[in-house]
Amino acid sequence: MNGLQSRHLVTLRIDVAFADMLDVGGGALGKRRIAPIGGGSFEGERLRGAVLPGADWVVARPDGRMAIDVRIGLKTDDGAAIYLAYQGLLSIAPEAVERYGRGEPIETSEYSLRALMRFEAGAERYTWLNDMLAVGIGTTIPTGAIYEVFEVV
């Protein structure tokens, strides 16, 4: 094998209700918050549809990074239900952390958002997702995040 191979699966847009985040407070791993996901969309060559409500269990770690743990439902444009779970890391340059916390935009050069994604599908036409490992490369936006999701082949 000559290295990691991938192909684009979908562009995933997640709408986060930042104003409704539940602040659990400091714990052993860091400050935990639960961010409601109100919706969004996904679109690619082989599947497209809407993001259903879910949540992002975020831990702001003592080292300044944020561990994310997202679980959402997807509804394809042809009516199939798919479960998507992903974990990842948001690393923000120290000088941008305060701005990000206030909801101000930050430049893509000031952060890195990466996630490991797994899908579950019961509909026969989408069971090919069940054995897939995917990687998402994210961009933050004021209303949430946009991920370019790649299937590892």
C-alpha atoms as a PDB file:
ATOM      1  CA  MET A   1       0.000   0.000   0.000  1.00  0.00           C
ATOM      2  CA  ASN A   2       1.305   3.429  -0.925  1.00  0.00           C
ATOM      3  CA  GLY A   3      -0.373   5.421   1.824  1.00  0.00           C
ATOM      4  CA  LEU A   4      -3.769   6.564   2.936  1.00  0.00           C
ATOM      5  CA  GLN A   5      -6.353   6.736   0.159  1.00  0.00           C
ATOM      6  CA  SER A   6      -9.660   8.560   0.414  1.00  0.00           C
ATOM      7  CA  ARG A   7     -12.532   9.886  -1.620  1.00  0.00           C
ATOM      8  CA  HIS A   8     -15.019  12.649  -0.893  1.00  0.00           C
ATOM      9  CA  LEU A   9     -18.234  11.332   0.624  1.00  0.00           C
ATOM     10  CA  VAL A  10     -20.294  14.389   1.618  1.00  0.00           C
ATOM     11  CA  THR A  11     -20.201  18.006   2.646  1.00  0.00           C
ATOM     12  CA  LEU A  12     -21.874  18.045   6.061  1.00  0.00           C
ATOM     13  CA  ARG A  13     -23.306  21.270   7.496  1.00  0.00           C
ATOM     14  CA  ILE A  14     -24.155  21.245  11.200  1.00  0.00           C
ATOM     15  CA  ASP A  15     -26.306  23.981  12.783  1.00  0.00           C
ATOM     16  CA  VAL A  16     -25.447  24.419  16.475  1.00  0.00           C
ATOM     17  CA  ALA A  17     -27.664  26.329  18.935  1.00  0.00           C
ATOM     18  CA  PHE A  18     -24.767  27.946  20.814  1.00  0.00           C
ATOM     19  CA  ALA A  19     -27.121  30.150  22.860  1.00  0.00           C
ATOM     20  CA  ASP A  20     -28.814  27.021  24.260  1.00  0.00           C
ATOM     21  CA  MET A  21     -25.646  25.205  25.334  1.00  0.00           C
ATOM     22  CA  LEU A  22     -25.829  23.479  28.696  1.00  0.00           C
ATOM     23  CA  ASP A  23     -22.772  24.318  30.812  1.00  0.00           C
ATOM     24  CA  VAL A  24     -22.097  21.292  33.017  1.00  0.00           C
ATOM     25  CA  GLY A  25     -18.979  22.876  34.521  1.00  0.00           C
ATOM     26  CA  GLY A  26     -15.504  21.662  35.322  1.00  0.00           C
ATOM     27  CA  GLY A  27     -14.791  17.984  35.690  1.00  0.00           C
ATOM     28  CA  ALA A  28     -11.796  15.699  35.764  1.00  0.00           C
ATOM     29  CA  LEU A  29     -11.262  16.055  32.002  1.00  0.00           C
ATOM     30  CA  GLY A  30     -12.089  19.756  31.690  1.00  0.00           C
ATOM     31  CA  LYS A  31     -15.121  22.014  31.307  1.00  0.00           C
ATOM     32  CA  ARG A  32     -18.028  20.110  29.759  1.00  0.00           C
ATOM     33  CA  ARG A  33     -20.806  21.681  27.718  1.00  0.00           C
ATOM     34  CA  ILE A  34     -23.589  20.109  25.710  1.00  0.00           C
ATOM     35  CA  ALA A  35     -24.381  21.948  22.488  1.00  0.00           C
ATOM     36  CA  PRO A  36     -27.727  21.181  20.835  1.00  0.00           C
ATOM     37  CA  ILE A  37     -27.590  20.514  17.106  1.00  0.00           C
ATOM     38  CA  GLY A  38     -30.796  21.742  15.529  1.00  0.00           C
ATOM     39  CA  GLY A  39     -30.320  20.530  11.979  1.00  0.00           C
ATOM     40  CA  GLY A  40     -28.268  21.014   8.877  1.00  0.00           C
ATOM     41  CA  SER A  41     -27.693  19.242   5.598  1.00  0.00           C
ATOM     42  CA  PHE A  42     -25.377  16.828   3.832  1.00  0.00           C
ATOM     43  CA  GLU A  43     -24.689  16.381   0.157  1.00  0.00           C
ATOM     44  CA  GLY A  44     -22.420  14.167  -1.871  1.00  0.00           C
ATOM     45  CA  GLU A  45     -22.335  12.065  -4.998  1.00  0.00           C
ATOM     46  CA  ARG A  46     -23.877   8.994  -3.324  1.00  0.00           C
ATOM     47  CA  LEU A  47     -26.133  10.480  -0.631  1.00  0.00           C
ATOM     48  CA  ARG A  48     -27.773  13.729   0.420  1.00  0.00           C
ATOM     49  CA  GLY A  49     -30.405  14.911   2.847  1.00  0.00           C
ATOM     50  CA  ALA A  50     -31.074  16.635   6.148  1.00  0.00           C
ATOM     51  CA  VAL A  51     -29.378  16.532   9.541  1.00  0.00           C
ATOM     52  CA  LEU A  52     -31.813  15.777  12.351  1.00  0.00           C
ATOM     53  CA  PRO A  53     -31.515  17.194  15.887  1.00  0.00           C
ATOM     54  CA  GLY A  54     -28.734  15.823  18.072  1.00  0.00           C
ATOM     55  CA  ALA A  55     -25.985  17.127  20.308  1.00  0.00           C
ATOM     56  CA  ASP A  56     -22.279  17.758  20.658  1.00  0.00           C
ATOM     57  CA  TRP A  57     -20.810  16.821  24.030  1.00  0.00           C
ATOM     58  CA  VAL A  58     -17.830  19.190  24.195  1.00  0.00           C
ATOM     59  CA  VAL A  59     -15.003  19.101  26.730  1.00  0.00           C
ATOM     60  CA  ALA A  60     -12.748  22.148  26.899  1.00  0.00           C
ATOM     61  CA  ARG A  61      -9.531  20.508  28.049  1.00  0.00           C
ATOM     62  CA  PRO A  62      -6.941  22.163  30.295  1.00  0.00           C
ATOM     63  CA  ASP A  63      -4.511  22.305  27.335  1.00  0.00           C
ATOM     64  CA  GLY A  64      -6.879  24.649  25.467  1.00  0.00           C
ATOM     65  CA  ARG A  65      -8.168  22.072  22.988  1.00  0.00           C
ATOM     66  CA  MET A  66     -11.795  21.005  22.722  1.00  0.00           C
ATOM     67  CA  ALA A  67     -12.723  17.345  22.449  1.00  0.00           C
ATOM     68  CA  ILE A  68     -15.969  16.893  20.537  1.00  0.00           C
ATOM     69  CA  ASP A  69     -18.368  13.964  20.651  1.00  0.00           C
ATOM     70  CA  VAL A  70     -21.289  14.354  18.244  1.00  0.00           C
ATOM     71  CA  ARG A  71     -24.270  12.077  17.689  1.00  0.00           C
ATOM     72  CA  ILE A  72     -26.929  12.922  15.135  1.00  0.00           C
ATOM     73  CA  GLY A  73     -29.493  11.356  12.879  1.00  0.00           C
ATOM     74  CA  LEU A  74     -29.501  11.862   9.136  1.00  0.00           C
ATOM     75  CA  LYS A  75     -32.510  11.571   6.842  1.00  0.00           C
ATOM     76  CA  THR A  76     -31.646  10.983   3.194  1.00  0.00           C
ATOM     77  CA  ASP A  77     -33.577  12.669   0.413  1.00  0.00           C
ATOM     78  CA  ASP A  78     -35.107   9.260  -0.401  1.00  0.00           C
ATOM     79  CA  GLY A  79     -36.352   8.734   3.175  1.00  0.00           C
ATOM     80  CA  ALA A  80     -33.702   6.480   4.773  1.00  0.00           C
ATOM     81  CA  ALA A  81     -32.551   7.049   8.363  1.00  0.00           C
ATOM     82  CA  ILE A  82     -28.827   6.979   9.154  1.00  0.00           C
ATOM     83  CA  TYR A  83     -27.055   7.366  12.505  1.00  0.00           C
ATOM     84  CA  LEU A  84     -23.792   9.333  12.525  1.00  0.00           C
ATOM     85  CA  ALA A  85     -21.415   9.481  15.478  1.00  0.00           C
ATOM     86  CA  TYR A  86     -18.108  11.292  15.413  1.00  0.00           C
ATOM     87  CA  GLN A  87     -15.376  12.273  17.785  1.00  0.00           C
ATOM     88  CA  GLY A  88     -12.690  14.782  17.139  1.00  0.00           C
ATOM     89  CA  LEU A  89     -10.577  17.663  18.281  1.00  0.00           C
ATOM     90  CA  LEU A  90     -10.791  21.409  17.820  1.00  0.00           C
ATOM     91  CA  SER A  91      -7.426  23.064  18.368  1.00  0.00           C
ATOM     92  CA  ILE A  92      -7.457  26.869  18.420  1.00  0.00           C
ATOM     93  CA  ALA A  93      -4.477  29.211  18.528  1.00  0.00           C
ATOM     94  CA  PRO A  94      -4.263  30.722  22.046  1.00  0.00           C
ATOM     95  CA  GLU A  95      -4.722  34.280  20.772  1.00  0.00           C
ATOM     96  CA  ALA A  96      -8.011  33.282  19.071  1.00  0.00           C
ATOM     97  CA  VAL A  97      -9.634  31.370  21.946  1.00  0.00           C
ATOM     98  CA  GLU A  98     -11.288  34.415  23.534  1.00  0.00           C
ATOM     99  CA  ARG A  99     -12.647  35.650  20.205  1.00  0.00           C
ATOM    100  CA  TYR A 100     -14.031  32.195  19.433  1.00  0.00           C
ATOM    101  CA  GLY A 101     -15.670  32.038  22.875  1.00  0.00           C
ATOM    102  CA  ARG A 102     -17.447  35.334  22.155  1.00  0.00           C
ATOM    103  CA  GLY A 103     -18.767  33.922  18.887  1.00  0.00           C
ATOM    104  CA  GLU A 104     -16.511  36.045  16.723  1.00  0.00           C
ATOM    105  CA  PRO A 105     -15.182  34.585  13.482  1.00  0.00           C
ATOM    106  CA  ILE A 106     -11.681  33.156  13.464  1.00  0.00           C
ATOM    107  CA  GLU A 107      -9.480  32.510  10.469  1.00  0.00           C
ATOM    108  CA  THR A 108      -8.973  28.939   9.269  1.00  0.00           C
ATOM    109  CA  SER A 109      -5.236  29.420   9.864  1.00  0.00           C
ATOM    110  CA  GLU A 110      -6.000  29.871  13.598  1.00  0.00           C
ATOM    111  CA  TYR A 111      -7.552  26.455  14.218  1.00  0.00           C
ATOM    112  CA  SER A 112      -7.762  22.815  13.218  1.00  0.00           C
ATOM    113  CA  LEU A 113     -11.020  20.822  13.369  1.00  0.00           C
ATOM    114  CA  ARG A 114     -10.751  17.103  12.611  1.00  0.00           C
ATOM    115  CA  ALA A 115     -13.099  14.197  13.322  1.00  0.00           C
ATOM    116  CA  LEU A 116     -13.304  10.418  12.963  1.00  0.00           C
ATOM    117  CA  MET A 117     -16.792   9.453  11.744  1.00  0.00           C
ATOM    118  CA  ARG A 118     -18.820   6.221  11.795  1.00  0.00           C
ATOM    119  CA  PHE A 119     -22.199   5.604  10.188  1.00  0.00           C
ATOM    120  CA  GLU A 120     -24.983   3.092  10.863  1.00  0.00           C
ATOM    121  CA  ALA A 121     -27.700   2.403   8.304  1.00  0.00           C
ATOM    122  CA  GLY A 122     -30.478  -0.191   8.214  1.00  0.00           C
ATOM    123  CA  ALA A 123     -31.861   0.598   4.773  1.00  0.00           C
ATOM    124  CA  GLU A 124     -30.386  -1.944   2.340  1.00  0.00           C
ATOM    125  CA  ARG A 125     -29.363   0.735  -0.168  1.00  0.00           C
ATOM    126  CA  TYR A 126     -27.120   2.395   2.463  1.00  0.00           C
ATOM    127  CA  THR A 127     -25.632  -0.585   4.334  1.00  0.00           C
ATOM    128  CA  TRP A 128     -22.333   0.114   2.541  1.00  0.00           C
ATOM    129  CA  LEU A 129     -21.939   2.902   5.127  1.00  0.00           C
ATOM    130  CA  ASN A 130     -21.847   0.413   8.036  1.00  0.00           C
ATOM    131  CA  ASP A 131     -18.273  -0.728   7.418  1.00  0.00           C
ATOM    132  CA  MET A 132     -16.963   2.683   6.447  1.00  0.00           C
ATOM    133  CA  LEU A 133     -14.433   4.717   8.348  1.00  0.00           C
ATOM    134  CA  ALA A 134     -14.568   8.394   7.440  1.00  0.00           C
ATOM    135  CA  VAL A 135     -12.586  11.484   8.353  1.00  0.00           C
ATOM    136  CA  GLY A 136     -14.059  14.967   8.526  1.00  0.00           C
ATOM    137  CA  ILE A 137     -12.098  18.179   8.065  1.00  0.00           C
ATOM    138  CA  GLY A 138     -14.118  21.011   9.532  1.00  0.00           C
ATOM    139  CA  THR A 139     -14.518  24.725   9.188  1.00  0.00           C
ATOM    140  CA  THR A 140     -16.213  26.707  11.948  1.00  0.00           C
ATOM    141  CA  ILE A 141     -18.931  29.169  11.014  1.00  0.00           C
ATOM    142  CA  PRO A 142     -21.037  31.406  13.301  1.00  0.00           C
ATOM    143  CA  THR A 143     -23.957  28.943  13.132  1.00  0.00           C
ATOM    144  CA  GLY A 144     -21.953  25.733  13.602  1.00  0.00           C
ATOM    145  CA  ALA A 145     -19.542  23.859  11.355  1.00  0.00           C
ATOM    146  CA  ILE A 146     -19.077  22.602   7.824  1.00  0.00           C
ATOM    147  CA  TYR A 147     -17.178  19.353   7.326  1.00  0.00           C
ATOM    148  CA  GLU A 148     -15.742  17.899   4.184  1.00  0.00           C
ATOM    149  CA  VAL A 149     -16.120  14.174   4.887  1.00  0.00           C
ATOM    150  CA  PHE A 150     -13.829  11.648   3.208  1.00  0.00           C
ATOM    151  CA  GLU A 151     -14.225   7.888   3.089  1.00  0.00           C
ATOM    152  CA  VAL A 152     -10.995   6.068   3.886  1.00  0.00           C
ATOM    153  CA  VAL A 153     -10.621   3.467   1.133  1.00  0.00           C
END
